[in-house]
């Protein structure tokens, strides 16, 4: 019943991650 929301992103080399306030401090994004 809700719209899709962005919650996390990561830059191409994995040096930068950003989070939505709703998940900040609880979710961690990474890449290989």
ModelCIF file with pLDDT and N, C-alpha, C, O atoms, coordinates in Angstrom:
data_MODEL
#
_entry.id   MODEL 
#
_entity.id                         1 
_entity.type                       polymer 
_entity.pdbx_number_of_molecules   1 
#
_entity_poly.entity_id                      1 
_entity_poly.type                           'polypeptide(L)' 
_entity_poly.nstd_linkage                   no 
_entity_poly.nstd_monomer                   no 
_entity_poly.pdbx_seq_one_letter_code       
;(UNK)(UNK)(UNK)(UNK)(UNK)(UNK)(UNK)(UNK)(UNK)(UNK)(UNK)(UNK)(UNK)(UNK)(UNK)(UNK)
(UNK)(UNK)(UNK)(UNK)(UNK)(UNK)(UNK)(UNK)(UNK)(UNK)(UNK)(UNK)(UNK)(UNK)(UNK)(UNK)
;
_entity_poly.pdbx_seq_one_letter_code_can   XXXXXXXXXXXXXXXXXXXXXXXXXXXXXXXX 
_entity_poly.pdbx_strand_id                 A 
#
loop_
_entity_poly_seq.entity_id 
_entity_poly_seq.num 
_entity_poly_seq.mon_id 
_entity_poly_seq.hetero 
1 1  UNK n 
1 2  UNK n 
1 3  UNK n 
1 4  UNK n 
1 5  UNK n 
1 6  UNK n 
1 7  UNK n 
1 8  UNK n 
1 9  UNK n 
1 10 UNK n 
1 11 UNK n 
1 12 UNK n 
1 13 UNK n 
1 14 UNK n 
1 15 UNK n 
1 16 UNK n 
1 17 UNK n 
1 18 UNK n 
1 19 UNK n 
1 20 UNK n 
1 21 UNK n 
1 22 UNK n 
1 23 UNK n 
1 24 UNK n 
1 25 UNK n 
1 26 UNK n 
1 27 UNK n 
1 28 UNK n 
1 29 UNK n 
1 30 UNK n 
1 31 UNK n 
1 32 UNK n 
#
_struct_asym.id          A 
_struct_asym.entity_id   1 
#
loop_
_ma_qa_metric.id 
_ma_qa_metric.mode 
_ma_qa_metric.name 
_ma_qa_metric.software_group_id 
_ma_qa_metric.type 
1 global pLDDT . pLDDT 
2 local  pLDDT . pLDDT 
#
_ma_qa_metric_global.metric_id      1 
_ma_qa_metric_global.metric_value   97.38 
_ma_qa_metric_global.model_id       1 
_ma_qa_metric_global.ordinal_id     1 
#
loop_
_ma_qa_metric_local.label_asym_id 
_ma_qa_metric_local.label_comp_id 
_ma_qa_metric_local.label_seq_id 
_ma_qa_metric_local.metric_id 
_ma_qa_metric_local.metric_value 
_ma_qa_metric_local.model_id 
_ma_qa_metric_local.ordinal_id 
A UNK 1  2 94.00 1 1  
A UNK 2  2 96.00 1 2  
A UNK 3  2 97.00 1 3  
A UNK 4  2 97.00 1 4  
A UNK 5  2 97.00 1 5  
A UNK 6  2 98.00 1 6  
A UNK 7  2 98.00 1 7  
A UNK 8  2 98.00 1 8  
A UNK 9  2 98.00 1 9  
A UNK 10 2 98.00 1 10 
A UNK 11 2 97.00 1 11 
A UNK 12 2 97.00 1 12 
A UNK 13 2 96.00 1 13 
A UNK 14 2 96.00 1 14 
A UNK 15 2 96.00 1 15 
A UNK 16 2 97.00 1 16 
A UNK 17 2 98.00 1 17 
A UNK 18 2 98.00 1 18 
A UNK 19 2 98.00 1 19 
A UNK 20 2 98.00 1 20 
A UNK 21 2 98.00 1 21 
A UNK 22 2 97.00 1 22 
A UNK 23 2 98.00 1 23 
A UNK 24 2 98.00 1 24 
A UNK 25 2 97.00 1 25 
A UNK 26 2 98.00 1 26 
A UNK 27 2 98.00 1 27 
A UNK 28 2 98.00 1 28 
A UNK 29 2 98.00 1 29 
A UNK 30 2 98.00 1 30 
A UNK 31 2 98.00 1 31 
A UNK 32 2 98.00 1 32 
#
loop_
_atom_site.group_PDB 
_atom_site.id 
_atom_site.type_symbol 
_atom_site.label_atom_id 
_atom_site.label_alt_id 
_atom_site.label_comp_id 
_atom_site.label_asym_id 
_atom_site.label_entity_id 
_atom_site.label_seq_id 
_atom_site.pdbx_PDB_ins_code 
_atom_site.Cartn_x 
_atom_site.Cartn_y 
_atom_site.Cartn_z 
_atom_site.occupancy 
_atom_site.B_iso_or_equiv 
_atom_site.pdbx_formal_charge 
_atom_site.auth_seq_id 
_atom_site.auth_comp_id 
_atom_site.auth_asym_id 
_atom_site.auth_atom_id 
_atom_site.pdbx_PDB_model_num 
ATOM 1   N N  . UNK A 1 1  ? 0.772  -1.228 0.000  1.00 94.00 ? 1  UNK A N  1 
ATOM 2   C CA . UNK A 1 1  ? 0.000  0.000  0.000  1.00 94.00 ? 1  UNK A CA 1 
ATOM 3   C C  . UNK A 1 1  ? 0.802  1.276  0.000  1.00 94.00 ? 1  UNK A C  1 
ATOM 4   O O  . UNK A 1 1  ? 0.240  2.362  0.141  1.00 94.00 ? 1  UNK A O  1 
ATOM 5   N N  . UNK A 1 2  ? 2.102  1.165  -0.155 1.00 96.00 ? 2  UNK A N  1 
ATOM 6   C CA . UNK A 1 2  ? 2.955  2.351  -0.125 1.00 96.00 ? 2  UNK A CA 1 
ATOM 7   C C  . UNK A 1 2  ? 3.782  2.447  -1.396 1.00 96.00 ? 2  UNK A C  1 
ATOM 8   O O  . UNK A 1 2  ? 3.939  1.471  -2.130 1.00 96.00 ? 2  UNK A O  1 
ATOM 9   N N  . UNK A 1 3  ? 4.304  3.630  -1.640 1.00 97.00 ? 3  UNK A N  1 
ATOM 10  C CA . UNK A 1 3  ? 5.162  3.824  -2.801 1.00 97.00 ? 3  UNK A CA 1 
ATOM 11  C C  . UNK A 1 3  ? 6.544  3.244  -2.540 1.00 97.00 ? 3  UNK A C  1 
ATOM 12  O O  . UNK A 1 3  ? 6.983  3.110  -1.398 1.00 97.00 ? 3  UNK A O  1 
ATOM 13  N N  . UNK A 1 4  ? 7.198  2.914  -3.606 1.00 97.00 ? 4  UNK A N  1 
ATOM 14  C CA . UNK A 1 4  ? 8.565  2.424  -3.480 1.00 97.00 ? 4  UNK A CA 1 
ATOM 15  C C  . UNK A 1 4  ? 9.473  3.550  -2.986 1.00 97.00 ? 4  UNK A C  1 
ATOM 16  O O  . UNK A 1 4  ? 9.352  4.696  -3.421 1.00 97.00 ? 4  UNK A O  1 
ATOM 17  N N  . UNK A 1 5  ? 10.371 3.214  -2.083 1.00 97.00 ? 5  UNK A N  1 
ATOM 18  C CA . UNK A 1 5  ? 11.287 4.210  -1.536 1.00 97.00 ? 5  UNK A CA 1 
ATOM 19  C C  . UNK A 1 5  ? 12.727 3.726  -1.656 1.00 97.00 ? 5  UNK A C  1 
ATOM 20  O O  . UNK A 1 5  ? 13.020 2.536  -1.542 1.00 97.00 ? 5  UNK A O  1 
ATOM 21  N N  . UNK A 1 6  ? 13.608 4.685  -1.890 1.00 98.00 ? 6  UNK A N  1 
ATOM 22  C CA . UNK A 1 6  ? 15.039 4.403  -1.904 1.00 98.00 ? 6  UNK A CA 1 
ATOM 23  C C  . UNK A 1 6  ? 15.527 4.356  -0.468 1.00 98.00 ? 6  UNK A C  1 
ATOM 24  O O  . UNK A 1 6  ? 15.167 5.222  0.329  1.00 98.00 ? 6  UNK A O  1 
ATOM 25  N N  . UNK A 1 7  ? 16.335 3.367  -0.119 1.00 98.00 ? 7  UNK A N  1 
ATOM 26  C CA . UNK A 1 7  ? 16.817 3.260  1.255  1.00 98.00 ? 7  UNK A CA 1 
ATOM 27  C C  . UNK A 1 7  ? 18.327 3.270  1.376  1.00 98.00 ? 7  UNK A C  1 
ATOM 28  O O  . UNK A 1 7  ? 18.842 3.612  2.441  1.00 98.00 ? 7  UNK A O  1 
ATOM 29  N N  . UNK A 1 8  ? 19.066 2.908  0.323  1.00 98.00 ? 8  UNK A N  1 
ATOM 30  C CA . UNK A 1 8  ? 20.527 2.881  0.439  1.00 98.00 ? 8  UNK A CA 1 
ATOM 31  C C  . UNK A 1 8  ? 21.143 2.902  -0.946 1.00 98.00 ? 8  UNK A C  1 
ATOM 32  O O  . UNK A 1 8  ? 20.565 2.393  -1.906 1.00 98.00 ? 8  UNK A O  1 
ATOM 33  N N  . UNK A 1 9  ? 22.315 3.492  -1.036 1.00 98.00 ? 9  UNK A N  1 
ATOM 34  C CA . UNK A 1 9  ? 23.059 3.468  -2.292 1.00 98.00 ? 9  UNK A CA 1 
ATOM 35  C C  . UNK A 1 9  ? 24.546 3.411  -1.982 1.00 98.00 ? 9  UNK A C  1 
ATOM 36  O O  . UNK A 1 9  ? 24.995 3.733  -0.882 1.00 98.00 ? 9  UNK A O  1 
ATOM 37  N N  . UNK A 1 10 ? 25.288 2.990  -2.994 1.00 98.00 ? 10 UNK A N  1 
ATOM 38  C CA . UNK A 1 10 ? 26.736 2.875  -2.841 1.00 98.00 ? 10 UNK A CA 1 
ATOM 39  C C  . UNK A 1 10 ? 27.395 3.285  -4.144 1.00 98.00 ? 10 UNK A C  1 
ATOM 40  O O  . UNK A 1 10 ? 26.885 2.987  -5.224 1.00 98.00 ? 10 UNK A O  1 
ATOM 41  N N  . UNK A 1 11 ? 28.517 3.963  -4.047 1.00 97.00 ? 11 UNK A N  1 
ATOM 42  C CA . UNK A 1 11 ? 29.222 4.431  -5.224 1.00 97.00 ? 11 UNK A CA 1 
ATOM 43  C C  . UNK A 1 11 ? 29.931 3.278  -5.928 1.00 97.00 ? 11 UNK A C  1 
ATOM 44  O O  . UNK A 1 11 ? 29.986 2.160  -5.416 1.00 97.00 ? 11 UNK A O  1 
ATOM 45  N N  . UNK A 1 12 ? 30.464 3.566  -7.095 1.00 97.00 ? 12 UNK A N  1 
ATOM 46  C CA . UNK A 1 12 ? 31.014 2.504  -7.947 1.00 97.00 ? 12 UNK A CA 1 
ATOM 47  C C  . UNK A 1 12 ? 32.154 1.722  -7.279 1.00 97.00 ? 12 UNK A C  1 
ATOM 48  O O  . UNK A 1 12 ? 32.236 0.502  -7.416 1.00 97.00 ? 12 UNK A O  1 
ATOM 49  N N  . UNK A 1 13 ? 33.016 2.420  -6.568 1.00 96.00 ? 13 UNK A N  1 
ATOM 50  C CA . UNK A 1 13 ? 34.136 1.741  -5.916 1.00 96.00 ? 13 UNK A CA 1 
ATOM 51  C C  . UNK A 1 13 ? 33.817 1.330  -4.488 1.00 96.00 ? 13 UNK A C  1 
ATOM 52  O O  . UNK A 1 13 ? 34.644 0.724  -3.807 1.00 96.00 ? 13 UNK A O  1 
ATOM 53  N N  . UNK A 1 14 ? 32.621 1.661  -4.043 1.00 96.00 ? 14 UNK A N  1 
ATOM 54  C CA . UNK A 1 14 ? 32.230 1.306  -2.689 1.00 96.00 ? 14 UNK A CA 1 
ATOM 55  C C  . UNK A 1 14 ? 32.751 2.247  -1.623 1.00 96.00 ? 14 UNK A C  1 
ATOM 56  O O  . UNK A 1 14 ? 32.701 1.930  -0.435 1.00 96.00 ? 14 UNK A O  1 
ATOM 57  N N  . UNK A 1 15 ? 33.254 3.406  -2.037 1.00 96.00 ? 15 UNK A N  1 
ATOM 58  C CA . UNK A 1 15 ? 33.851 4.320  -1.065 1.00 96.00 ? 15 UNK A CA 1 
ATOM 59  C C  . UNK A 1 15 ? 32.818 5.200  -0.385 1.00 96.00 ? 15 UNK A C  1 
ATOM 60  O O  . UNK A 1 15 ? 33.078 5.773  0.673  1.00 96.00 ? 15 UNK A O  1 
ATOM 61  N N  . UNK A 1 16 ? 31.654 5.306  -0.989 1.00 97.00 ? 16 UNK A N  1 
ATOM 62  C CA . UNK A 1 16 ? 30.607 6.154  -0.434 1.00 97.00 ? 16 UNK A CA 1 
ATOM 63  C C  . UNK A 1 16 ? 29.313 5.383  -0.338 1.00 97.00 ? 16 UNK A C  1 
ATOM 64  O O  . UNK A 1 16 ? 28.865 4.763  -1.303 1.00 97.00 ? 16 UNK A O  1 
ATOM 65  N N  . UNK A 1 17 ? 28.717 5.429  0.841  1.00 98.00 ? 17 UNK A N  1 
ATOM 66  C CA . UNK A 1 17 ? 27.379 4.864  1.041  1.00 98.00 ? 17 UNK A CA 1 
ATOM 67  C C  . UNK A 1 17 ? 26.504 5.920  1.691  1.00 98.00 ? 17 UNK A C  1 
ATOM 68  O O  . UNK A 1 17 ? 26.963 6.702  2.524  1.00 98.00 ? 17 UNK A O  1 
ATOM 69  N N  . UNK A 1 18 ? 25.255 5.931  1.305  1.00 98.00 ? 18 UNK A N  1 
ATOM 70  C CA . UNK A 1 18 ? 24.286 6.850  1.889  1.00 98.00 ? 18 UNK A CA 1 
ATOM 71  C C  . UNK A 1 18 ? 22.989 6.101  2.173  1.00 98.00 ? 18 UNK A C  1 
ATOM 72  O O  . UNK A 1 18 ? 22.660 5.116  1.511  1.00 98.00 ? 18 UNK A O  1 
ATOM 73  N N  . UNK A 1 19 ? 22.264 6.591  3.169  1.00 98.00 ? 19 UNK A N  1 
ATOM 74  C CA . UNK A 1 19 ? 21.071 5.876  3.618  1.00 98.00 ? 19 UNK A CA 1 
ATOM 75  C C  . UNK A 1 19 ? 19.913 6.831  3.860  1.00 98.00 ? 19 UNK A C  1 
ATOM 76  O O  . UNK A 1 19 ? 20.099 7.999  4.201  1.00 98.00 ? 19 UNK A O  1 
ATOM 77  N N  . UNK A 1 20 ? 18.720 6.300  3.672  1.00 98.00 ? 20 UNK A N  1 
ATOM 78  C CA . UNK A 1 20 ? 17.530 7.036  4.073  1.00 98.00 ? 20 UNK A CA 1 
ATOM 79  C C  . UNK A 1 20 ? 17.483 7.102  5.595  1.00 98.00 ? 20 UNK A C  1 
ATOM 80  O O  . UNK A 1 20 ? 18.008 6.225  6.280  1.00 98.00 ? 20 UNK A O  1 
ATOM 81  N N  . UNK A 1 21 ? 16.861 8.128  6.105  1.00 98.00 ? 21 UNK A N  1 
ATOM 82  C CA . UNK A 1 21 ? 16.773 8.293  7.552  1.00 98.00 ? 21 UNK A CA 1 
ATOM 83  C C  . UNK A 1 21 ? 16.091 7.096  8.219  1.00 98.00 ? 21 UNK A C  1 
ATOM 84  O O  . UNK A 1 21 ? 16.401 6.751  9.359  1.00 98.00 ? 21 UNK A O  1 
ATOM 85  N N  . UNK A 1 22 ? 15.175 6.476  7.509  1.00 97.00 ? 22 UNK A N  1 
ATOM 86  C CA . UNK A 1 22 ? 14.405 5.375  8.085  1.00 97.00 ? 22 UNK A CA 1 
ATOM 87  C C  . UNK A 1 22 ? 15.255 4.148  8.398  1.00 97.00 ? 22 UNK A C  1 
ATOM 88  O O  . UNK A 1 22 ? 14.848 3.306  9.199  1.00 97.00 ? 22 UNK A O  1 
ATOM 89  N N  . UNK A 1 23 ? 16.424 4.033  7.781  1.00 98.00 ? 23 UNK A N  1 
ATOM 90  C CA . UNK A 1 23 ? 17.263 2.848  7.995  1.00 98.00 ? 23 UNK A CA 1 
ATOM 91  C C  . UNK A 1 23 ? 18.662 3.195  8.485  1.00 98.00 ? 23 UNK A C  1 
ATOM 92  O O  . UNK A 1 23 ? 19.449 2.300  8.794  1.00 98.00 ? 23 UNK A O  1 
ATOM 93  N N  . UNK A 1 24 ? 18.972 4.455  8.558  1.00 98.00 ? 24 UNK A N  1 
ATOM 94  C CA . UNK A 1 24 ? 20.315 4.877  8.943  1.00 98.00 ? 24 UNK A CA 1 
ATOM 95  C C  . UNK A 1 24 ? 20.663 4.350  10.333 1.00 98.00 ? 24 UNK A C  1 
ATOM 96  O O  . UNK A 1 24 ? 19.879 4.465  11.274 1.00 98.00 ? 24 UNK A O  1 
ATOM 97  N N  . UNK A 1 25 ? 21.839 3.778  10.436 1.00 97.00 ? 25 UNK A N  1 
ATOM 98  C CA . UNK A 1 25 ? 22.283 3.222  11.712 1.00 97.00 ? 25 UNK A CA 1 
ATOM 99  C C  . UNK A 1 25 ? 21.877 1.775  11.931 1.00 97.00 ? 25 UNK A C  1 
ATOM 100 O O  . UNK A 1 25 ? 22.372 1.122  12.849 1.00 97.00 ? 25 UNK A O  1 
ATOM 101 N N  . UNK A 1 26 ? 20.972 1.266  11.087 1.00 98.00 ? 26 UNK A N  1 
ATOM 102 C CA . UNK A 1 26 ? 20.527 -0.124 11.224 1.00 98.00 ? 26 UNK A CA 1 
ATOM 103 C C  . UNK A 1 26 ? 20.903 -0.977 10.009 1.00 98.00 ? 26 UNK A C  1 
ATOM 104 O O  . UNK A 1 26 ? 21.114 -2.183 10.137 1.00 98.00 ? 26 UNK A O  1 
ATOM 105 N N  . UNK A 1 27 ? 20.986 -0.357 8.843  1.00 98.00 ? 27 UNK A N  1 
ATOM 106 C CA . UNK A 1 27 ? 21.295 -1.079 7.602  1.00 98.00 ? 27 UNK A CA 1 
ATOM 107 C C  . UNK A 1 27 ? 22.679 -0.671 7.106  1.00 98.00 ? 27 UNK A C  1 
ATOM 108 O O  . UNK A 1 27 ? 23.099 0.474  7.267  1.00 98.00 ? 27 UNK A O  1 
ATOM 109 N N  . UNK A 1 28 ? 23.376 -1.628 6.501  1.00 98.00 ? 28 UNK A N  1 
ATOM 110 C CA . UNK A 1 28 ? 24.690 -1.365 5.917  1.00 98.00 ? 28 UNK A CA 1 
ATOM 111 C C  . UNK A 1 28 ? 24.750 -1.968 4.524  1.00 98.00 ? 28 UNK A C  1 
ATOM 112 O O  . UNK A 1 28 ? 24.489 -3.155 4.326  1.00 98.00 ? 28 UNK A O  1 
ATOM 113 N N  . UNK A 1 29 ? 25.099 -1.126 3.570  1.00 98.00 ? 29 UNK A N  1 
ATOM 114 C CA . UNK A 1 29 ? 25.232 -1.602 2.192  1.00 98.00 ? 29 UNK A CA 1 
ATOM 115 C C  . UNK A 1 29 ? 26.697 -1.741 1.829  1.00 98.00 ? 29 UNK A C  1 
ATOM 116 O O  . UNK A 1 29 ? 27.523 -0.923 2.233  1.00 98.00 ? 29 UNK A O  1 
ATOM 117 N N  . UNK A 1 30 ? 27.023 -2.775 1.068  1.00 98.00 ? 30 UNK A N  1 
ATOM 118 C CA . UNK A 1 30 ? 28.391 -2.980 0.603  1.00 98.00 ? 30 UNK A CA 1 
ATOM 119 C C  . UNK A 1 30 ? 28.344 -3.593 -0.795 1.00 98.00 ? 30 UNK A C  1 
ATOM 120 O O  . UNK A 1 30 ? 27.284 -3.976 -1.290 1.00 98.00 ? 30 UNK A O  1 
ATOM 121 N N  . UNK A 1 31 ? 29.508 -3.675 -1.409 1.00 98.00 ? 31 UNK A N  1 
ATOM 122 C CA . UNK A 1 31 ? 29.592 -4.278 -2.727 1.00 98.00 ? 31 UNK A CA 1 
ATOM 123 C C  . UNK A 1 31 ? 30.936 -4.959 -2.905 1.00 98.00 ? 31 UNK A C  1 
ATOM 124 O O  . UNK A 1 31 ? 31.918 -4.607 -2.250 1.00 98.00 ? 31 UNK A O  1 
ATOM 125 N N  . UNK A 1 32 ? 30.968 -5.931 -3.792 1.00 98.00 ? 32 UNK A N  1 
ATOM 126 C CA . UNK A 1 32 ? 32.202 -6.620 -4.151 1.00 98.00 ? 32 UNK A CA 1 
ATOM 127 C C  . UNK A 1 32 ? 32.269 -6.604 -5.671 1.00 98.00 ? 32 UNK A C  1 
ATOM 128 O O  . UNK A 1 32 ? 33.221 -7.125 -6.253 1.00 98.00 ? 32 UNK A O  1 
#
